[in-house]
Every structure is written in structure tokens, then in C-alpha cells.
Amino acid sequence: MDNIQVALMMGSRNDMAVVDETVKVLKDFGVGHEVKVLSAHRTPKQTAAYAEGLAARGVKVVICAAGGSAALSGVVAAHTQLPVIGIPLDSMGFNGLDALLSTIQMPPGVPVAGVGIGKPGAKNAALVAIRILALSDMGLLKKLDEHTRDQAEKVLNS
């Protein structure tokens, strides 16, 4: 896809069921993206190299989905200055709380924005990325305004 603005990363192909929620929102807003399977633990060199090359390719935001130790977003944040959003996944127990805490408890100087666990978080990760992009894209800002109005209408008409 041309004009990749958001890079989506996940530690395992099994995470695609959740990441699909992010992809749907990005597609709805017309945001260019790509999806990669890379693991902080099983492919550390490839993960670091991919993260280090994103900004030069014009990518603006990175979204990482991981469960268990959920180290992916932190490793990526250590290898890029781009904003990183972590989606914690419920994959190894503790109902995803382990992944949530791993995602948001980063040491000072290695920031990762965290969203909720699982599919709701995956949707919100896309919306946070879109809000970041909308800071310099009035077309996206207009789409966000329409999205907000549509959500309000659904509530008021229910």
C-alpha cells in the first residue's frame, strides 16, 4: 500500500483477530498502513531493524499488539522516535492484566501510549493514531468530527 502512515506490529499471527479491529478503523478513515509479524523475543534483531527504518519510510505512528510480557511496544519505542501505541492482548492468562501492566509501565524516557485490552483497545489504538495524524491533516480531522457526530446520533437515537 502506498503512503504508509501507520505501522501495525504483532508478536504472532494468532493476534490478527484483534489487530483486524485496528485495520478496519484505519481503512474506514482511509489511512495507509501495513501489518508485520515480529516478536520482541523471537525476532529481536529484525524487530529493531524494522522499527529503526520506519521514520525514513514516512511512517508517522506505530501500533504494537502483544500479550504475556507484551515487550513488543517497549522494544519498538526504544528503537524509534515515532509515537508508539501498545495494545495489550489477553493471550497467556490473567485476563490480559499482565500485558496491560507490561505495556503501560515503561521506564522514563521510553514512552508507550496504552489502550484497553483486546478488541476495544485495538479500535481505540486506531483512533488515537488517527488523532495524531489529524494534527497535520485537516481531511482526517473532518472525518474524526463526522465520526464523533455519528456516535452521538447513535446514542441519541437508541
N, C-alpha and C. Protein backbone atom coordinates (compact mmCIF):
# COMPACT_ATOMS: atom_id res chain seq x y z
N MET A 1 0.85 -1.18 0.00
CA MET A 1 0.00 0.00 0.00
C MET A 1 0.89 1.24 0.00
N ASP A 2 0.58 2.21 -0.81
CA ASP A 2 1.32 3.46 -0.86
C ASP A 2 0.94 4.34 0.32
N ASN A 3 1.84 5.27 0.64
CA ASN A 3 1.59 6.24 1.69
C ASN A 3 1.27 5.58 3.03
N ILE A 4 2.16 4.73 3.48
CA ILE A 4 2.01 4.06 4.77
C ILE A 4 2.24 5.08 5.87
N GLN A 5 1.21 5.36 6.66
CA GLN A 5 1.34 6.29 7.77
C GLN A 5 1.38 5.59 9.12
N VAL A 6 0.79 4.40 9.18
CA VAL A 6 0.74 3.64 10.44
C VAL A 6 1.30 2.25 10.21
N ALA A 7 2.26 1.88 11.05
CA ALA A 7 2.79 0.52 11.03
C ALA A 7 2.14 -0.24 12.18
N LEU A 8 1.56 -1.38 11.85
CA LEU A 8 0.95 -2.26 12.86
C LEU A 8 1.86 -3.46 13.04
N MET A 9 2.20 -3.75 14.27
CA MET A 9 3.06 -4.89 14.56
C MET A 9 2.38 -5.79 15.58
N MET A 10 2.61 -7.08 15.41
CA MET A 10 2.09 -8.05 16.38
C MET A 10 3.11 -9.15 16.55
N GLY A 11 3.14 -9.72 17.74
CA GLY A 11 4.13 -10.74 18.06
C GLY A 11 3.87 -12.08 17.44
N SER A 12 2.63 -12.34 17.02
CA SER A 12 2.26 -13.64 16.47
C SER A 12 1.10 -13.47 15.49
N ARG A 13 1.06 -14.29 14.47
CA ARG A 13 -0.05 -14.28 13.51
C ARG A 13 -1.37 -14.54 14.24
N ASN A 14 -1.33 -15.24 15.36
CA ASN A 14 -2.54 -15.52 16.15
C ASN A 14 -3.21 -14.26 16.68
N ASP A 15 -2.47 -13.15 16.71
CA ASP A 15 -3.01 -11.89 17.21
C ASP A 15 -3.85 -11.14 16.17
N MET A 16 -3.91 -11.67 14.95
CA MET A 16 -4.59 -10.97 13.86
C MET A 16 -6.07 -10.76 14.13
N ALA A 17 -6.72 -11.64 14.86
CA ALA A 17 -8.15 -11.48 15.16
C ALA A 17 -8.41 -10.16 15.89
N VAL A 18 -7.47 -9.74 16.71
CA VAL A 18 -7.61 -8.47 17.43
C VAL A 18 -7.13 -7.32 16.54
N VAL A 19 -5.99 -7.49 15.90
CA VAL A 19 -5.42 -6.44 15.06
C VAL A 19 -6.36 -6.09 13.90
N ASP A 20 -7.17 -7.04 13.46
CA ASP A 20 -8.16 -6.76 12.40
C ASP A 20 -9.08 -5.60 12.78
N GLU A 21 -9.36 -5.44 14.07
CA GLU A 21 -10.21 -4.33 14.51
C GLU A 21 -9.51 -2.99 14.25
N THR A 22 -8.21 -2.95 14.46
CA THR A 22 -7.44 -1.75 14.17
C THR A 22 -7.44 -1.47 12.67
N VAL A 23 -7.20 -2.51 11.90
CA VAL A 23 -7.16 -2.39 10.45
C VAL A 23 -8.48 -1.85 9.90
N LYS A 24 -9.60 -2.37 10.41
CA LYS A 24 -10.92 -1.91 9.94
C LYS A 24 -11.09 -0.41 10.14
N VAL A 25 -10.72 0.09 11.31
CA VAL A 25 -10.88 1.52 11.59
C VAL A 25 -9.96 2.34 10.68
N LEU A 26 -8.72 1.92 10.53
CA LEU A 26 -7.80 2.65 9.66
C LEU A 26 -8.31 2.68 8.22
N LYS A 27 -8.85 1.56 7.75
CA LYS A 27 -9.41 1.51 6.40
C LYS A 27 -10.61 2.44 6.28
N ASP A 28 -11.49 2.44 7.28
CA ASP A 28 -12.66 3.32 7.27
C ASP A 28 -12.27 4.79 7.12
N PHE A 29 -11.14 5.16 7.69
CA PHE A 29 -10.67 6.54 7.63
C PHE A 29 -9.73 6.78 6.45
N GLY A 30 -9.43 5.74 5.69
CA GLY A 30 -8.54 5.88 4.54
C GLY A 30 -7.08 6.11 4.90
N VAL A 31 -6.65 5.57 6.02
CA VAL A 31 -5.28 5.75 6.48
C VAL A 31 -4.42 4.59 5.98
N GLY A 32 -3.33 4.93 5.26
CA GLY A 32 -2.41 3.92 4.77
C GLY A 32 -1.69 3.23 5.92
N HIS A 33 -1.59 1.91 5.84
CA HIS A 33 -0.98 1.14 6.93
C HIS A 33 -0.38 -0.15 6.38
N GLU A 34 0.43 -0.77 7.19
CA GLU A 34 0.94 -2.11 6.89
C GLU A 34 0.98 -2.90 8.18
N VAL A 35 0.92 -4.21 8.03
CA VAL A 35 0.91 -5.11 9.19
C VAL A 35 2.11 -6.05 9.09
N LYS A 36 2.85 -6.17 10.19
CA LYS A 36 4.01 -7.05 10.26
C LYS A 36 3.92 -7.94 11.49
N VAL A 37 4.36 -9.17 11.35
CA VAL A 37 4.50 -10.07 12.48
C VAL A 37 5.98 -10.10 12.84
N LEU A 38 6.30 -9.53 13.99
CA LEU A 38 7.66 -9.51 14.52
C LEU A 38 7.58 -9.64 16.03
N SER A 39 8.50 -10.37 16.60
CA SER A 39 8.46 -10.65 18.03
C SER A 39 9.65 -10.01 18.74
N ALA A 40 9.36 -9.39 19.87
CA ALA A 40 10.42 -8.81 20.68
C ALA A 40 11.41 -9.87 21.15
N HIS A 41 10.93 -11.09 21.36
CA HIS A 41 11.77 -12.15 21.92
C HIS A 41 12.28 -13.12 20.87
N ARG A 42 11.48 -13.43 19.87
CA ARG A 42 11.87 -14.45 18.88
C ARG A 42 12.56 -13.87 17.65
N THR A 43 12.33 -12.60 17.35
CA THR A 43 13.00 -11.94 16.22
C THR A 43 13.50 -10.55 16.65
N PRO A 44 14.32 -10.47 17.68
CA PRO A 44 14.70 -9.16 18.21
C PRO A 44 15.48 -8.29 17.22
N LYS A 45 16.39 -8.87 16.47
CA LYS A 45 17.18 -8.07 15.52
C LYS A 45 16.30 -7.53 14.41
N GLN A 46 15.40 -8.35 13.88
CA GLN A 46 14.51 -7.92 12.80
C GLN A 46 13.53 -6.86 13.31
N THR A 47 13.07 -7.03 14.54
CA THR A 47 12.15 -6.06 15.14
C THR A 47 12.83 -4.70 15.28
N ALA A 48 14.04 -4.70 15.81
CA ALA A 48 14.79 -3.45 15.98
C ALA A 48 15.06 -2.79 14.63
N ALA A 49 15.48 -3.56 13.66
CA ALA A 49 15.79 -3.00 12.33
C ALA A 49 14.54 -2.42 11.68
N TYR A 50 13.42 -3.11 11.79
CA TYR A 50 12.17 -2.62 11.22
C TYR A 50 11.77 -1.29 11.88
N ALA A 51 11.82 -1.25 13.22
CA ALA A 51 11.45 -0.04 13.95
C ALA A 51 12.38 1.12 13.59
N GLU A 52 13.65 0.86 13.48
CA GLU A 52 14.62 1.91 13.17
C GLU A 52 14.42 2.50 11.78
N GLY A 53 13.86 1.74 10.85
CA GLY A 53 13.67 2.20 9.49
C GLY A 53 12.34 2.86 9.20
N LEU A 54 11.42 2.86 10.14
CA LEU A 54 10.06 3.35 9.87
C LEU A 54 9.99 4.84 9.54
N ALA A 55 10.63 5.66 10.31
CA ALA A 55 10.54 7.11 10.10
C ALA A 55 11.07 7.51 8.72
N ALA A 56 12.15 6.88 8.30
CA ALA A 56 12.73 7.20 6.99
C ALA A 56 11.78 6.83 5.85
N ARG A 57 10.87 5.90 6.11
CA ARG A 57 9.89 5.48 5.11
C ARG A 57 8.64 6.36 5.13
N GLY A 58 8.57 7.32 6.06
CA GLY A 58 7.42 8.21 6.13
C GLY A 58 6.32 7.76 7.07
N VAL A 59 6.53 6.67 7.79
CA VAL A 59 5.56 6.21 8.78
C VAL A 59 5.51 7.24 9.89
N LYS A 60 4.32 7.49 10.43
CA LYS A 60 4.14 8.53 11.46
C LYS A 60 3.80 7.98 12.84
N VAL A 61 3.17 6.80 12.89
CA VAL A 61 2.73 6.21 14.15
C VAL A 61 2.91 4.69 14.07
N VAL A 62 3.26 4.09 15.22
CA VAL A 62 3.40 2.64 15.30
C VAL A 62 2.41 2.12 16.32
N ILE A 63 1.71 1.05 15.97
CA ILE A 63 0.81 0.37 16.90
C ILE A 63 1.32 -1.06 17.06
N CYS A 64 1.51 -1.47 18.32
CA CYS A 64 2.02 -2.81 18.61
C CYS A 64 1.01 -3.58 19.46
N ALA A 65 0.71 -4.80 19.05
CA ALA A 65 -0.19 -5.66 19.81
C ALA A 65 0.60 -6.85 20.34
N ALA A 66 0.50 -7.08 21.65
CA ALA A 66 1.24 -8.20 22.24
C ALA A 66 0.58 -8.62 23.54
N GLY A 67 0.74 -9.88 23.86
CA GLY A 67 0.22 -10.43 25.10
C GLY A 67 1.37 -10.90 25.98
N GLY A 68 1.01 -11.51 27.10
CA GLY A 68 2.03 -12.02 28.01
C GLY A 68 2.89 -10.90 28.54
N SER A 69 4.18 -10.98 28.28
CA SER A 69 5.10 -9.94 28.75
C SER A 69 4.91 -8.64 27.98
N ALA A 70 4.27 -8.70 26.81
CA ALA A 70 3.93 -7.53 26.00
C ALA A 70 5.12 -6.59 25.81
N ALA A 71 6.29 -7.17 25.55
CA ALA A 71 7.51 -6.37 25.41
C ALA A 71 7.62 -5.66 24.07
N LEU A 72 6.81 -6.05 23.09
CA LEU A 72 6.97 -5.53 21.73
C LEU A 72 6.91 -4.00 21.67
N SER A 73 5.91 -3.40 22.28
CA SER A 73 5.79 -1.95 22.18
C SER A 73 6.98 -1.24 22.83
N GLY A 74 7.47 -1.74 23.92
CA GLY A 74 8.62 -1.12 24.58
C GLY A 74 9.90 -1.26 23.76
N VAL A 75 10.09 -2.41 23.17
CA VAL A 75 11.26 -2.61 22.32
C VAL A 75 11.20 -1.68 21.12
N VAL A 76 10.03 -1.58 20.51
CA VAL A 76 9.88 -0.69 19.36
C VAL A 76 10.12 0.76 19.78
N ALA A 77 9.55 1.17 20.91
CA ALA A 77 9.74 2.55 21.39
C ALA A 77 11.21 2.85 21.67
N ALA A 78 11.98 1.84 22.03
CA ALA A 78 13.41 2.04 22.28
C ALA A 78 14.20 2.22 20.99
N HIS A 79 13.57 1.89 19.85
CA HIS A 79 14.28 1.94 18.57
C HIS A 79 13.70 2.95 17.58
N THR A 80 12.81 3.83 18.03
CA THR A 80 12.26 4.86 17.16
C THR A 80 11.82 6.05 17.99
N GLN A 81 11.77 7.21 17.34
CA GLN A 81 11.23 8.40 17.99
C GLN A 81 9.76 8.60 17.64
N LEU A 82 9.20 7.73 16.82
CA LEU A 82 7.78 7.82 16.46
C LEU A 82 6.91 7.50 17.67
N PRO A 83 5.69 8.04 17.71
CA PRO A 83 4.77 7.64 18.79
C PRO A 83 4.41 6.17 18.65
N VAL A 84 4.42 5.46 19.77
CA VAL A 84 4.10 4.04 19.81
C VAL A 84 2.88 3.85 20.71
N ILE A 85 1.91 3.12 20.19
CA ILE A 85 0.69 2.81 20.93
C ILE A 85 0.67 1.29 21.14
N GLY A 86 0.52 0.87 22.37
CA GLY A 86 0.51 -0.56 22.69
C GLY A 86 -0.89 -1.07 22.95
N ILE A 87 -1.23 -2.18 22.30
CA ILE A 87 -2.50 -2.87 22.55
C ILE A 87 -2.18 -4.13 23.35
N PRO A 88 -2.58 -4.17 24.62
CA PRO A 88 -2.36 -5.39 25.40
C PRO A 88 -3.37 -6.47 25.01
N LEU A 89 -2.89 -7.70 24.89
CA LEU A 89 -3.74 -8.81 24.49
C LEU A 89 -3.89 -9.82 25.61
N ASP A 90 -5.05 -10.43 25.67
CA ASP A 90 -5.32 -11.50 26.63
C ASP A 90 -4.90 -12.81 25.99
N SER A 91 -3.63 -13.17 26.17
CA SER A 91 -3.14 -14.36 25.48
C SER A 91 -2.54 -15.41 26.39
N MET A 92 -2.16 -15.06 27.59
CA MET A 92 -1.45 -16.02 28.43
C MET A 92 -2.03 -16.15 29.84
N GLY A 93 -3.15 -15.59 30.09
CA GLY A 93 -3.70 -15.66 31.44
C GLY A 93 -3.85 -14.29 32.04
N PHE A 94 -4.34 -14.26 33.24
CA PHE A 94 -4.55 -13.01 33.98
C PHE A 94 -5.51 -12.07 33.26
N ASN A 95 -6.29 -12.59 32.31
CA ASN A 95 -7.26 -11.81 31.54
C ASN A 95 -6.65 -10.58 30.87
N GLY A 96 -5.38 -10.65 30.52
CA GLY A 96 -4.70 -9.56 29.82
C GLY A 96 -4.11 -8.52 30.75
N LEU A 97 -4.33 -8.65 32.06
CA LEU A 97 -3.78 -7.67 33.00
C LEU A 97 -2.26 -7.65 32.96
N ASP A 98 -1.64 -8.82 32.78
CA ASP A 98 -0.18 -8.89 32.67
C ASP A 98 0.31 -8.07 31.48
N ALA A 99 -0.36 -8.21 30.35
CA ALA A 99 0.02 -7.47 29.15
C ALA A 99 -0.24 -5.98 29.31
N LEU A 100 -1.35 -5.63 29.95
CA LEU A 100 -1.67 -4.22 30.19
C LEU A 100 -0.58 -3.56 31.03
N LEU A 101 -0.23 -4.19 32.13
CA LEU A 101 0.79 -3.61 33.00
C LEU A 101 2.15 -3.54 32.31
N SER A 102 2.49 -4.55 31.52
CA SER A 102 3.75 -4.53 30.79
C SER A 102 3.77 -3.42 29.76
N THR A 103 2.63 -3.14 29.16
CA THR A 103 2.54 -2.11 28.12
C THR A 103 2.67 -0.71 28.71
N ILE A 104 2.02 -0.46 29.83
CA ILE A 104 1.97 0.91 30.35
C ILE A 104 3.06 1.23 31.37
N GLN A 105 3.73 0.24 31.92
CA GLN A 105 4.75 0.50 32.93
C GLN A 105 6.14 0.60 32.32
N MET A 106 6.32 1.58 31.45
CA MET A 106 7.61 1.76 30.79
C MET A 106 8.51 2.67 31.63
N PRO A 107 9.81 2.45 31.52
CA PRO A 107 10.72 3.32 32.27
C PRO A 107 10.72 4.73 31.68
N PRO A 108 11.01 5.73 32.49
CA PRO A 108 11.07 7.10 31.98
C PRO A 108 12.01 7.19 30.78
N GLY A 109 11.57 7.89 29.75
CA GLY A 109 12.38 8.07 28.56
C GLY A 109 12.04 7.12 27.43
N VAL A 110 11.19 6.12 27.69
CA VAL A 110 10.77 5.17 26.66
C VAL A 110 9.24 5.13 26.68
N PRO A 111 8.60 6.18 26.16
CA PRO A 111 7.14 6.28 26.27
C PRO A 111 6.39 5.36 25.33
N VAL A 112 5.35 4.74 25.86
CA VAL A 112 4.39 3.95 25.09
C VAL A 112 3.01 4.37 25.55
N ALA A 113 2.16 4.75 24.61
CA ALA A 113 0.76 5.04 24.94
C ALA A 113 0.02 3.71 24.99
N GLY A 114 -0.78 3.51 26.02
CA GLY A 114 -1.51 2.26 26.16
C GLY A 114 -3.00 2.46 26.01
N VAL A 115 -3.66 1.44 25.46
CA VAL A 115 -5.11 1.43 25.34
C VAL A 115 -5.63 0.20 26.07
N GLY A 116 -6.94 0.02 26.06
CA GLY A 116 -7.54 -1.10 26.75
C GLY A 116 -7.16 -2.45 26.15
N ILE A 117 -7.47 -3.49 26.87
CA ILE A 117 -7.14 -4.86 26.48
C ILE A 117 -8.04 -5.34 25.35
N GLY A 118 -7.46 -5.99 24.36
CA GLY A 118 -8.21 -6.69 23.32
C GLY A 118 -8.85 -5.81 22.26
N LYS A 119 -9.99 -6.27 21.74
CA LYS A 119 -10.63 -5.61 20.59
C LYS A 119 -11.05 -4.17 20.85
N PRO A 120 -11.63 -3.83 22.01
CA PRO A 120 -11.94 -2.41 22.24
C PRO A 120 -10.68 -1.55 22.20
N GLY A 121 -9.60 -2.04 22.78
CA GLY A 121 -8.33 -1.31 22.74
C GLY A 121 -7.79 -1.20 21.33
N ALA A 122 -7.98 -2.24 20.53
CA ALA A 122 -7.50 -2.23 19.15
C ALA A 122 -8.20 -1.14 18.34
N LYS A 123 -9.49 -0.98 18.55
CA LYS A 123 -10.23 0.09 17.88
C LYS A 123 -9.73 1.45 18.35
N ASN A 124 -9.56 1.61 19.66
CA ASN A 124 -9.10 2.88 20.20
C ASN A 124 -7.67 3.20 19.77
N ALA A 125 -6.83 2.18 19.62
CA ALA A 125 -5.46 2.43 19.14
C ALA A 125 -5.49 3.08 17.77
N ALA A 126 -6.37 2.59 16.90
CA ALA A 126 -6.50 3.19 15.57
C ALA A 126 -6.97 4.63 15.69
N LEU A 127 -7.94 4.88 16.56
CA LEU A 127 -8.45 6.24 16.71
C LEU A 127 -7.41 7.20 17.31
N VAL A 128 -6.59 6.71 18.22
CA VAL A 128 -5.51 7.55 18.76
C VAL A 128 -4.52 7.87 17.64
N ALA A 129 -4.17 6.88 16.85
CA ALA A 129 -3.25 7.11 15.72
C ALA A 129 -3.84 8.13 14.75
N ILE A 130 -5.11 8.01 14.48
CA ILE A 130 -5.78 8.94 13.56
C ILE A 130 -5.79 10.35 14.15
N ARG A 131 -6.02 10.47 15.44
CA ARG A 131 -5.97 11.80 16.07
C ARG A 131 -4.58 12.41 15.97
N ILE A 132 -3.55 11.59 16.12
CA ILE A 132 -2.18 12.10 15.96
C ILE A 132 -1.97 12.59 14.53
N LEU A 133 -2.38 11.79 13.58
CA LEU A 133 -2.23 12.17 12.16
C LEU A 133 -3.06 13.40 11.82
N ALA A 134 -4.22 13.54 12.46
CA ALA A 134 -5.12 14.66 12.17
C ALA A 134 -4.55 16.00 12.63
N LEU A 135 -3.51 15.99 13.45
CA LEU A 135 -2.86 17.24 13.85
C LEU A 135 -2.31 17.99 12.64
N SER A 136 -1.99 17.25 11.59
CA SER A 136 -1.44 17.89 10.39
C SER A 136 -2.22 17.52 9.13
N ASP A 137 -3.44 17.00 9.31
CA ASP A 137 -4.24 16.58 8.16
C ASP A 137 -5.70 16.98 8.40
N MET A 138 -6.10 18.09 7.81
CA MET A 138 -7.45 18.61 8.03
C MET A 138 -8.53 17.66 7.51
N GLY A 139 -8.23 16.90 6.48
CA GLY A 139 -9.19 15.92 5.96
C GLY A 139 -9.50 14.85 7.00
N LEU A 140 -8.47 14.36 7.67
CA LEU A 140 -8.69 13.38 8.74
C LEU A 140 -9.43 14.00 9.91
N LEU A 141 -9.11 15.24 10.22
CA LEU A 141 -9.81 15.92 11.32
C LEU A 141 -11.30 16.02 11.01
N LYS A 142 -11.64 16.32 9.78
CA LYS A 142 -13.04 16.39 9.38
C LYS A 142 -13.71 15.02 9.53
N LYS A 143 -13.02 13.96 9.12
CA LYS A 143 -13.57 12.61 9.27
C LYS A 143 -13.77 12.25 10.74
N LEU A 144 -12.83 12.67 11.59
CA LEU A 144 -12.99 12.42 13.03
C LEU A 144 -14.21 13.15 13.58
N ASP A 145 -14.41 14.40 13.16
CA ASP A 145 -15.58 15.15 13.59
C ASP A 145 -16.87 14.45 13.16
N GLU A 146 -16.90 13.95 11.95
CA GLU A 146 -18.08 13.21 11.45
C GLU A 146 -18.29 11.94 12.25
N HIS A 147 -17.20 11.25 12.55
CA HIS A 147 -17.28 10.02 13.34
C HIS A 147 -17.87 10.29 14.73
N THR A 148 -17.43 11.38 15.35
CA THR A 148 -17.93 11.75 16.68
C THR A 148 -19.41 12.09 16.61
N ARG A 149 -19.82 12.82 15.59
CA ARG A 149 -21.24 13.15 15.42
C ARG A 149 -22.07 11.89 15.20
N ASP A 150 -21.56 10.97 14.38
CA ASP A 150 -22.28 9.71 14.12
C ASP A 150 -22.45 8.91 15.41
N GLN A 151 -21.42 8.86 16.24
CA GLN A 151 -21.52 8.14 17.50
C GLN A 151 -22.58 8.77 18.40
N ALA A 152 -22.60 10.10 18.47
CA ALA A 152 -23.59 10.80 19.30
C ALA A 152 -25.00 10.53 18.78
N GLU A 153 -25.19 10.56 17.48
CA GLU A 153 -26.50 10.28 16.90
C GLU A 153 -26.99 8.89 17.26
N LYS A 154 -26.10 7.90 17.19
CA LYS A 154 -26.48 6.53 17.52
C LYS A 154 -26.98 6.43 18.96
N VAL A 155 -26.31 7.13 19.85
CA VAL A 155 -26.72 7.11 21.26
C VAL A 155 -28.06 7.81 21.43
N LEU A 156 -28.19 8.97 20.83
CA LEU A 156 -29.42 9.74 20.98
C LEU A 156 -30.62 9.10 20.32
N ASN A 157 -30.40 8.31 19.28
CA ASN A 157 -31.49 7.66 18.55
C ASN A 157 -31.79 6.24 19.02
N SER A 158 -31.13 5.81 20.07
CA SER A 158 -31.36 4.43 20.54
C SER A 158 -32.45 4.38 21.60
